[in-house]
Amino acid sequence: MTDKTGEKKSNAAKWRQRTRLVRGGQERSAFEETSEGLFLTSGYVYGTADEAEKAFKGDVERYMYSRYANPTVTMFEKRLAQLEGAEKCVATSSGMAAVFAALACQLQAGDRVVSSRALFGSCLYIIDEQLPKFGIETVLVDGTDLDQWKQALSKKTQCVFLETPSNPCLEIIDIQAVCDLAHEAGAKVIVDNVFATPVLQHPLELGADIIMYSATKHIDGQGRTMGGAILTSDMDFFEESLTPFFRHTGPTLSPFNAWVMVKGLETLDLRVARHCENALDVAEYLSGRKGITKVLYPGLESHPQHELAMSQMSSGSTMVSFEIDGGKEAAFGFLNRLGLIDISNNLGDAKSLTTHPATTTHQRLSPEDRLAIGISDGLVRLSVGLEDVEDLKEDLDQALG
């Protein structure tokens, strides 16, 4: 049995994406379980006091405390790292814990951060309001404008943060071009890859140093648990910055949530493919529809960065945003008439979910700041689920009618 297991592990590097999603990182206990084990334990015992001393000195590698590491969490981290082609992954309690840890672990007073302006509301809060409290300079740019990136990165910078496609207007940023500029300025690049998912886009291959996810979204994919992840192949960042910050601040993913995420990864490729198929169908259906002034979907040729999106992503994303003529009143009327699609600020779920960004995810922004990133009072964000797409179109039809 041991020889067979060892042989399987040695072949793991040759596995293709779908195989890695099902089998990557699995460690079986002495019971040889088929499904991944769920280790609900906070601590671990030592055979001798000497063994404990060696563990804390770092002379031996073993589980010490589940705030540091846990077997179930490790399986999730290894599987996601294999999928991304990253050397290391650290799982966190939520996506926002991943965002803050990836930034805070490497920054100090006097440092400089350049970020795209079009961000999820909580990410923008961290960049624009939290980091400056610690004496960190932050600069916001239009992510689609390379001239603004060039100007902002013309002086020494420690960190660059961006999300592409952006939430909620699905702007596409040229990852490789920004990474080239950022590295010239001495910065590490963090890419929030939530909307693209690890199936559709691989920022490390385009020059990014760090990727982060809200695993709550597509990785779980069924609205059950919360989690996040930070991935990198930069071992200096991982060992000197991220690991000590993570261990001593405690944004730890619970073993149960990690187990759910591990099982979610098994079907991620299948689910994302259907999400994208449905999303493109819905986007095409909405395009040119009376009462809708704009449809934003990277897979449509009408999208301003369509060609760039298709060069970076293998499909057009699971999300569609569109603008309803008539502002907030018309948008609310549409949302309230939906019968199948649910109103929810979450996304990446098997169920189709929709929200009004101006009054939910981005309500903290001023009207002027919202408009600066394309969020009008008539904008609606739709996370397209796994239902029969004809049922979705019928529901949209009656709500728009």
Protein backbone atom coordinates (compact mmCIF):
# COMPACT_ATOMS: atom_id res chain seq x y z
CA MET A 1 0.00 0.00 0.00
CA THR A 2 2.79 2.42 0.89
CA ASP A 3 4.61 1.83 -2.40
CA LYS A 4 1.42 2.39 -4.40
CA THR A 5 0.66 5.64 -2.56
CA GLY A 6 4.21 6.85 -3.11
CA GLU A 7 3.95 6.08 -6.80
CA LYS A 8 0.73 8.10 -7.09
CA LYS A 9 2.35 11.09 -5.38
CA SER A 10 5.38 10.92 -7.68
CA ASN A 11 3.08 11.16 -10.71
CA ALA A 12 1.19 14.17 -9.35
CA ALA A 13 3.40 16.67 -11.18
CA LYS A 14 2.20 15.19 -14.51
CA TRP A 15 -1.49 15.43 -13.67
CA ARG A 16 -3.70 17.72 -15.71
CA GLN A 17 -5.97 20.35 -14.20
CA ARG A 18 -9.10 18.26 -13.74
CA THR A 19 -7.16 15.46 -12.06
CA ARG A 20 -5.48 17.91 -9.70
CA LEU A 21 -8.88 19.29 -8.74
CA VAL A 22 -10.00 15.82 -7.65
CA ARG A 23 -6.83 14.32 -6.18
CA GLY A 24 -4.31 17.08 -5.52
CA GLY A 25 -2.81 17.29 -2.03
CA GLN A 26 -4.69 14.32 -0.59
CA GLU A 27 -3.12 12.73 2.48
CA ARG A 28 -4.74 9.55 3.79
CA SER A 29 -4.57 8.59 7.43
CA ALA A 30 -3.82 5.09 8.69
CA PHE A 31 -7.49 4.25 8.08
CA GLU A 32 -7.02 4.67 4.27
CA GLU A 33 -10.26 6.65 3.82
CA THR A 34 -11.54 7.36 0.31
CA SER A 35 -12.77 10.88 1.06
CA GLU A 36 -10.43 13.44 2.56
CA GLY A 37 -10.24 13.25 6.34
CA LEU A 38 -11.78 15.95 8.51
CA PHE A 39 -9.46 16.65 11.44
CA LEU A 40 -11.43 18.67 14.00
CA THR A 41 -8.64 19.27 16.49
CA SER A 42 -7.09 22.40 17.91
CA GLY A 43 -3.89 20.80 19.20
CA TYR A 44 -1.53 17.83 18.80
CA VAL A 45 0.36 15.71 21.32
CA TYR A 46 4.06 14.95 21.56
CA GLY A 47 5.62 11.66 22.51
CA THR A 48 8.26 13.37 24.62
CA ALA A 49 9.19 16.82 25.89
CA ASP A 50 12.24 16.67 23.62
CA GLU A 51 9.97 16.24 20.61
CA ALA A 52 7.97 19.32 21.60
CA GLU A 53 11.15 21.36 22.02
CA LYS A 54 12.40 20.36 18.57
CA ALA A 55 9.04 21.24 17.01
CA PHE A 56 9.03 24.75 18.48
CA LYS A 57 12.66 25.29 17.47
CA GLY A 58 11.78 24.29 13.92
CA ASP A 59 14.18 21.34 13.94
CA VAL A 60 11.35 18.98 12.92
CA GLU A 61 8.33 19.64 10.76
CA ARG A 62 5.07 18.48 12.28
CA TYR A 63 1.63 19.72 13.31
CA MET A 64 1.78 21.78 16.50
CA TYR A 65 -1.40 23.88 16.70
CA SER A 66 -4.27 24.32 14.25
CA ARG A 67 -3.79 28.08 14.20
CA TYR A 68 -0.51 27.28 12.43
CA ALA A 69 -1.52 24.26 10.36
CA ASN A 70 -4.05 21.43 10.26
CA PRO A 71 -4.10 18.29 8.07
CA THR A 72 -7.45 19.11 6.44
CA VAL A 73 -6.43 22.72 5.81
CA THR A 74 -3.12 21.53 4.39
CA MET A 75 -4.93 19.35 1.84
CA PHE A 76 -6.96 22.34 0.66
CA GLU A 77 -3.83 24.49 0.44
CA LYS A 78 -1.85 21.89 -1.51
CA ARG A 79 -4.68 21.21 -3.94
CA LEU A 80 -5.25 24.89 -4.69
CA ALA A 81 -1.50 25.50 -5.02
CA GLN A 82 -1.22 22.66 -7.53
CA LEU A 83 -4.11 24.12 -9.51
CA GLU A 84 -2.47 27.56 -9.63
CA GLY A 85 1.05 26.30 -10.23
CA ALA A 86 2.12 28.07 -7.02
CA GLU A 87 4.77 26.88 -4.60
CA LYS A 88 2.78 27.82 -1.50
CA CYS A 89 -0.78 28.52 -0.38
CA VAL A 90 -2.04 29.88 2.94
CA ALA A 91 -5.75 29.42 3.64
CA THR A 92 -7.57 32.12 5.61
CA SER A 93 -10.89 32.51 7.36
CA SER A 94 -12.35 34.74 4.62
CA GLY A 95 -11.44 36.50 1.42
CA MET A 96 -11.02 39.82 3.21
CA ALA A 97 -8.67 38.17 5.71
CA ALA A 98 -6.60 37.10 2.70
CA VAL A 99 -6.60 40.63 1.25
CA PHE A 100 -5.51 42.25 4.51
CA ALA A 101 -2.89 39.62 5.34
CA ALA A 102 -1.33 39.75 1.86
CA LEU A 103 -0.93 43.52 2.19
CA ALA A 104 -0.23 44.08 5.88
CA CYS A 105 2.40 41.36 6.20
CA GLN A 106 4.77 43.18 3.85
CA LEU A 107 4.05 46.86 4.53
CA GLN A 108 5.20 49.37 7.13
CA ALA A 109 4.91 53.11 7.74
CA GLY A 110 6.41 55.09 4.88
CA ASP A 111 5.74 52.43 2.25
CA ARG A 112 3.76 53.08 -0.90
CA VAL A 113 0.91 51.11 -2.50
CA VAL A 114 -0.55 51.64 -5.98
CA SER A 115 -3.93 50.09 -6.71
CA SER A 116 -6.60 50.04 -9.34
CA ARG A 117 -9.58 52.15 -8.32
CA ALA A 118 -12.27 49.68 -9.41
CA LEU A 119 -12.32 47.29 -6.45
CA PHE A 120 -14.82 45.43 -4.31
CA GLY A 121 -16.04 47.88 -1.65
CA SER A 122 -14.25 46.26 1.31
CA CYS A 123 -10.97 46.00 -0.65
CA LEU A 124 -11.21 49.68 -1.50
CA TYR A 125 -11.81 50.43 2.19
CA ILE A 126 -8.58 48.66 3.16
CA ILE A 127 -6.56 50.42 0.45
CA ASP A 128 -8.07 53.87 0.71
CA GLU A 129 -8.90 54.16 4.42
CA GLN A 130 -7.17 51.52 6.56
CA LEU A 131 -3.63 51.47 5.20
CA PRO A 132 -3.19 55.28 5.39
CA LYS A 133 -3.91 55.06 9.15
CA PHE A 134 -0.63 53.15 9.47
CA GLY A 135 1.37 55.77 7.59
CA ILE A 136 1.23 53.96 4.25
CA GLU A 137 0.81 56.08 1.12
CA THR A 138 -1.84 54.76 -1.27
CA VAL A 139 -2.43 55.84 -4.87
CA LEU A 140 -5.50 54.87 -6.91
CA VAL A 141 -5.45 54.68 -10.71
CA ASP A 142 -7.80 53.78 -13.52
CA GLY A 143 -6.80 50.15 -13.95
CA THR A 144 -7.44 50.11 -17.69
CA ASP A 145 -5.19 53.15 -18.33
CA LEU A 146 -1.54 52.06 -18.65
CA ASP A 147 -0.40 55.70 -18.72
CA GLN A 148 -1.80 56.18 -15.22
CA TRP A 149 0.01 53.04 -14.07
CA LYS A 150 3.26 54.31 -15.61
CA GLN A 151 2.96 57.65 -13.86
CA ALA A 152 2.02 56.13 -10.50
CA LEU A 153 4.84 53.58 -10.73
CA SER A 154 7.51 56.07 -11.76
CA LYS A 155 8.72 56.15 -8.15
CA LYS A 156 9.63 53.37 -5.72
CA THR A 157 6.62 51.33 -4.63
CA GLN A 158 6.33 48.34 -2.31
CA CYS A 159 3.06 46.83 -3.46
CA VAL A 160 0.55 46.87 -6.31
CA PHE A 161 -3.01 45.60 -5.84
CA LEU A 162 -5.58 44.97 -8.55
CA GLU A 163 -8.62 42.87 -9.38
CA THR A 164 -9.46 41.76 -12.88
CA PRO A 165 -12.21 41.38 -13.92
CA SER A 166 -13.25 44.11 -11.51
CA ASN A 167 -16.27 44.07 -9.23
CA PRO A 168 -18.91 44.95 -10.38
CA CYS A 169 -18.21 46.49 -13.81
CA LEU A 170 -15.95 43.70 -15.11
CA GLU A 171 -13.11 45.95 -16.24
CA ILE A 172 -10.09 44.02 -17.52
CA ILE A 173 -6.56 45.03 -16.55
CA ASP A 174 -3.49 44.03 -18.57
CA ILE A 175 -1.82 41.93 -15.86
CA GLN A 176 1.48 41.38 -17.65
CA ALA A 177 1.93 45.04 -18.56
CA VAL A 178 1.19 46.21 -15.02
CA CYS A 179 3.50 43.55 -13.55
CA ASP A 180 6.35 44.71 -15.78
CA LEU A 181 5.88 48.31 -14.61
CA ALA A 182 5.46 47.28 -10.99
CA HIS A 183 8.60 45.18 -10.90
CA GLU A 184 10.63 48.06 -12.33
CA ALA A 185 9.40 50.11 -9.36
CA GLY A 186 10.39 47.36 -6.93
CA ALA A 187 6.81 46.35 -6.13
CA LYS A 188 5.21 42.97 -5.57
CA VAL A 189 1.92 42.51 -7.43
CA ILE A 190 -1.18 41.09 -5.71
CA VAL A 191 -4.04 40.02 -8.00
CA ASP A 192 -7.53 39.46 -6.65
CA ASN A 193 -8.58 36.65 -9.00
CA VAL A 194 -12.06 36.00 -7.57
CA PHE A 195 -14.15 36.87 -10.65
CA ALA A 196 -11.87 34.89 -12.98
CA THR A 197 -11.53 31.87 -10.65
CA PRO A 198 -8.41 29.66 -10.71
CA VAL A 199 -9.95 27.81 -13.67
CA LEU A 200 -10.16 30.75 -16.08
CA GLN A 201 -7.06 32.82 -15.33
CA HIS A 202 -3.55 32.18 -13.94
CA PRO A 203 -1.97 35.51 -12.91
CA LEU A 204 1.32 33.92 -11.79
CA GLU A 205 1.95 32.95 -15.41
CA LEU A 206 1.45 36.60 -16.37
CA GLY A 207 4.00 37.91 -13.89
CA ALA A 208 2.01 38.39 -10.68
CA ASP A 209 3.77 37.64 -7.39
CA ILE A 210 0.74 36.89 -5.20
CA ILE A 211 -2.83 35.74 -5.88
CA MET A 212 -5.68 35.92 -3.42
CA TYR A 213 -9.18 34.45 -3.39
CA SER A 214 -12.38 34.61 -1.52
CA ALA A 215 -12.94 30.85 -1.48
CA THR A 216 -16.44 31.64 -0.22
CA LYS A 217 -17.34 32.28 -3.85
CA HIS A 218 -16.80 29.75 -6.66
CA ILE A 219 -14.46 27.42 -4.75
CA ASP A 220 -17.17 26.56 -2.24
CA GLY A 221 -19.72 27.43 -4.90
CA GLN A 222 -22.83 26.48 -2.98
CA GLY A 223 -23.19 29.20 -0.36
CA ARG A 224 -22.14 27.05 2.61
CA THR A 225 -18.92 28.26 4.19
CA MET A 226 -16.47 31.16 4.20
CA GLY A 227 -12.77 31.05 3.43
CA GLY A 228 -9.91 32.69 1.60
CA ALA A 229 -6.48 31.90 0.20
CA ILE A 230 -3.15 33.54 -0.58
CA LEU A 231 -0.89 31.88 -3.16
CA THR A 232 2.68 32.64 -4.20
CA SER A 233 5.91 31.18 -5.52
CA ASP A 234 7.95 33.99 -3.93
CA MET A 235 9.57 32.07 -1.09
CA ASP A 236 11.09 35.17 0.54
CA PHE A 237 7.62 36.72 0.78
CA PHE A 238 6.15 33.45 2.05
CA GLU A 239 8.77 32.68 4.69
CA GLU A 240 9.80 36.14 5.88
CA SER A 241 6.56 38.12 5.61
CA LEU A 242 3.43 36.01 5.26
CA THR A 243 4.15 33.02 7.54
CA PRO A 244 5.05 34.95 10.73
CA PHE A 245 2.20 37.42 10.19
CA PHE A 246 -0.31 34.61 9.65
CA ARG A 247 0.84 32.54 12.63
CA HIS A 248 0.75 35.39 15.11
CA THR A 249 -2.38 37.25 13.97
CA GLY A 250 -4.58 34.18 13.51
CA PRO A 251 -6.79 34.61 10.40
CA THR A 252 -7.04 30.81 10.33
CA LEU A 253 -9.42 28.76 8.18
CA SER A 254 -11.39 26.22 10.21
CA PRO A 255 -10.82 22.53 9.36
CA PHE A 256 -14.52 22.02 8.62
CA ASN A 257 -14.58 24.94 6.15
CA ALA A 258 -11.37 23.64 4.58
CA TRP A 259 -12.97 20.22 4.12
CA VAL A 260 -15.95 21.82 2.36
CA MET A 261 -13.57 23.77 0.13
CA VAL A 262 -11.60 20.62 -0.73
CA LYS A 263 -14.80 18.94 -1.87
CA GLY A 264 -15.78 22.09 -3.75
CA LEU A 265 -12.56 22.00 -5.75
CA GLU A 266 -13.47 18.54 -7.08
CA THR A 267 -16.28 20.00 -9.19
CA LEU A 268 -14.92 23.53 -9.76
CA ASP A 269 -13.97 22.98 -13.40
CA LEU A 270 -17.36 21.49 -14.26
CA ARG A 271 -19.29 24.20 -12.43
CA VAL A 272 -17.33 27.16 -13.80
CA ALA A 273 -17.72 25.87 -17.35
CA ARG A 274 -21.51 25.78 -16.97
CA HIS A 275 -21.56 29.13 -15.16
CA CYS A 276 -19.70 30.73 -18.08
CA GLU A 277 -21.87 29.03 -20.71
CA ASN A 278 -25.00 30.33 -19.00
CA ALA A 279 -23.49 33.79 -18.43
CA LEU A 280 -22.63 34.25 -22.10
CA ASP A 281 -26.14 33.16 -23.10
CA VAL A 282 -27.68 35.61 -20.62
CA ALA A 283 -25.37 38.45 -21.72
CA GLU A 284 -26.28 37.91 -25.37
CA TYR A 285 -29.97 37.77 -24.45
CA LEU A 286 -29.77 41.07 -22.55
CA SER A 287 -27.78 42.88 -25.25
CA GLY A 288 -29.97 45.25 -27.22
CA ARG A 289 -32.95 44.54 -24.99
CA LYS A 290 -35.32 47.49 -24.60
CA GLY A 291 -34.88 49.19 -21.22
CA ILE A 292 -31.24 48.11 -20.86
CA THR A 293 -28.69 50.76 -21.78
CA LYS A 294 -25.50 48.73 -21.29
CA VAL A 295 -24.41 45.10 -20.87
CA LEU A 296 -20.96 44.38 -19.43
CA TYR A 297 -19.53 40.91 -20.07
CA PRO A 298 -15.92 40.23 -21.12
CA GLY A 299 -17.00 37.42 -23.43
CA LEU A 300 -19.00 39.83 -25.61
CA GLU A 301 -17.22 41.58 -28.49
CA SER A 302 -18.92 44.78 -27.33
CA HIS A 303 -16.89 44.75 -24.09
CA PRO A 304 -14.22 47.52 -24.18
CA GLN A 305 -11.42 45.09 -23.30
CA HIS A 306 -12.79 41.97 -25.00
CA GLU A 307 -9.57 41.06 -26.84
CA LEU A 308 -7.44 41.52 -23.71
CA ALA A 309 -9.91 39.47 -21.67
CA MET A 310 -9.78 36.59 -24.11
CA SER A 311 -5.97 36.68 -24.17
CA GLN A 312 -5.79 36.42 -20.35
CA MET A 313 -8.84 34.28 -19.62
CA SER A 314 -10.09 31.03 -21.11
CA SER A 315 -13.72 32.20 -20.93
CA GLY A 316 -15.72 35.32 -20.19
CA SER A 317 -16.43 34.90 -16.45
CA THR A 318 -19.50 33.84 -14.50
CA MET A 319 -20.68 37.41 -13.91
CA VAL A 320 -22.81 39.78 -15.99
CA SER A 321 -23.51 43.41 -15.12
CA PHE A 322 -26.04 45.57 -16.89
CA GLU A 323 -27.56 49.02 -16.60
CA ILE A 324 -31.32 49.51 -16.49
CA ASP A 325 -32.75 52.73 -17.87
CA GLY A 326 -34.50 54.67 -15.11
CA GLY A 327 -31.94 54.60 -12.29
CA LYS A 328 -32.51 53.21 -8.82
CA GLU A 329 -36.31 53.10 -9.04
CA ALA A 330 -36.25 51.06 -12.25
CA ALA A 331 -33.48 48.79 -10.94
CA PHE A 332 -35.36 48.13 -7.69
CA GLY A 333 -38.53 47.42 -9.63
CA PHE A 334 -36.70 44.89 -11.76
CA LEU A 335 -35.11 43.20 -8.73
CA ASN A 336 -38.39 43.03 -6.84
CA ARG A 337 -40.16 41.37 -9.79
CA LEU A 338 -37.66 38.53 -10.08
CA GLY A 339 -39.22 35.20 -9.18
CA LEU A 340 -36.42 32.68 -9.68
CA ILE A 341 -33.23 34.71 -9.29
CA ASP A 342 -32.46 35.69 -5.67
CA ILE A 343 -31.39 39.09 -4.40
CA SER A 344 -28.09 38.56 -2.57
CA ASN A 345 -24.74 40.32 -2.35
CA ASN A 346 -22.89 36.98 -2.55
CA LEU A 347 -21.69 35.50 -5.85
CA GLY A 348 -20.24 32.36 -7.41
CA ASP A 349 -23.12 30.24 -6.09
CA ALA A 350 -24.91 27.38 -7.84
CA LYS A 351 -28.00 29.59 -7.56
CA SER A 352 -28.23 32.76 -9.64
CA LEU A 353 -27.87 35.82 -7.41
CA THR A 354 -28.24 39.50 -8.17
CA THR A 355 -27.56 42.72 -6.33
CA HIS A 356 -27.71 46.50 -6.71
CA PRO A 357 -24.07 47.58 -6.11
CA ALA A 358 -24.82 51.26 -5.49
CA THR A 359 -26.90 50.41 -2.40
CA THR A 360 -25.10 47.25 -1.23
CA THR A 361 -21.47 46.31 -1.95
CA HIS A 362 -20.42 49.88 -2.83
CA GLN A 363 -22.89 51.93 -0.82
CA ARG A 364 -20.10 53.46 1.34
CA LEU A 365 -18.76 55.34 -1.69
CA SER A 366 -20.01 58.78 -2.58
CA PRO A 367 -22.17 59.06 -5.72
CA GLU A 368 -19.23 60.75 -7.47
CA ASP A 369 -16.80 57.98 -6.54
CA ARG A 370 -19.26 55.32 -7.65
CA LEU A 371 -19.72 56.96 -11.03
CA ALA A 372 -15.93 57.23 -11.40
CA ILE A 373 -15.75 53.42 -11.49
CA GLY A 374 -18.89 52.99 -13.59
CA ILE A 375 -21.46 52.23 -10.89
CA SER A 376 -24.65 54.08 -11.77
CA ASP A 377 -27.91 53.90 -9.84
CA GLY A 378 -29.27 51.67 -12.59
CA LEU A 379 -26.46 49.12 -12.52
CA VAL A 380 -27.32 45.53 -11.59
CA ARG A 381 -24.75 42.76 -10.99
CA LEU A 382 -25.82 39.20 -11.82
CA SER A 383 -23.93 36.10 -10.70
CA VAL A 384 -25.20 33.53 -13.19
CA GLY A 385 -25.87 30.14 -11.61
CA LEU A 386 -26.31 26.57 -12.76
CA GLU A 387 -30.05 26.59 -13.44
CA ASP A 388 -31.45 25.89 -16.90
CA VAL A 389 -30.59 29.05 -18.80
CA GLU A 390 -34.01 29.17 -20.45
CA ASP A 391 -35.61 29.47 -17.00
CA LEU A 392 -33.21 32.29 -16.18
CA LYS A 393 -34.05 34.15 -19.37
CA GLU A 394 -37.77 33.74 -18.77
CA ASP A 395 -37.38 35.19 -15.28
CA LEU A 396 -35.34 38.13 -16.59
CA ASP A 397 -37.90 38.65 -19.33
CA GLN A 398 -40.88 38.92 -17.00
CA ALA A 399 -38.96 41.12 -14.54
CA LEU A 400 -37.90 43.50 -17.31
CA GLY A 401 -41.34 43.45 -18.88
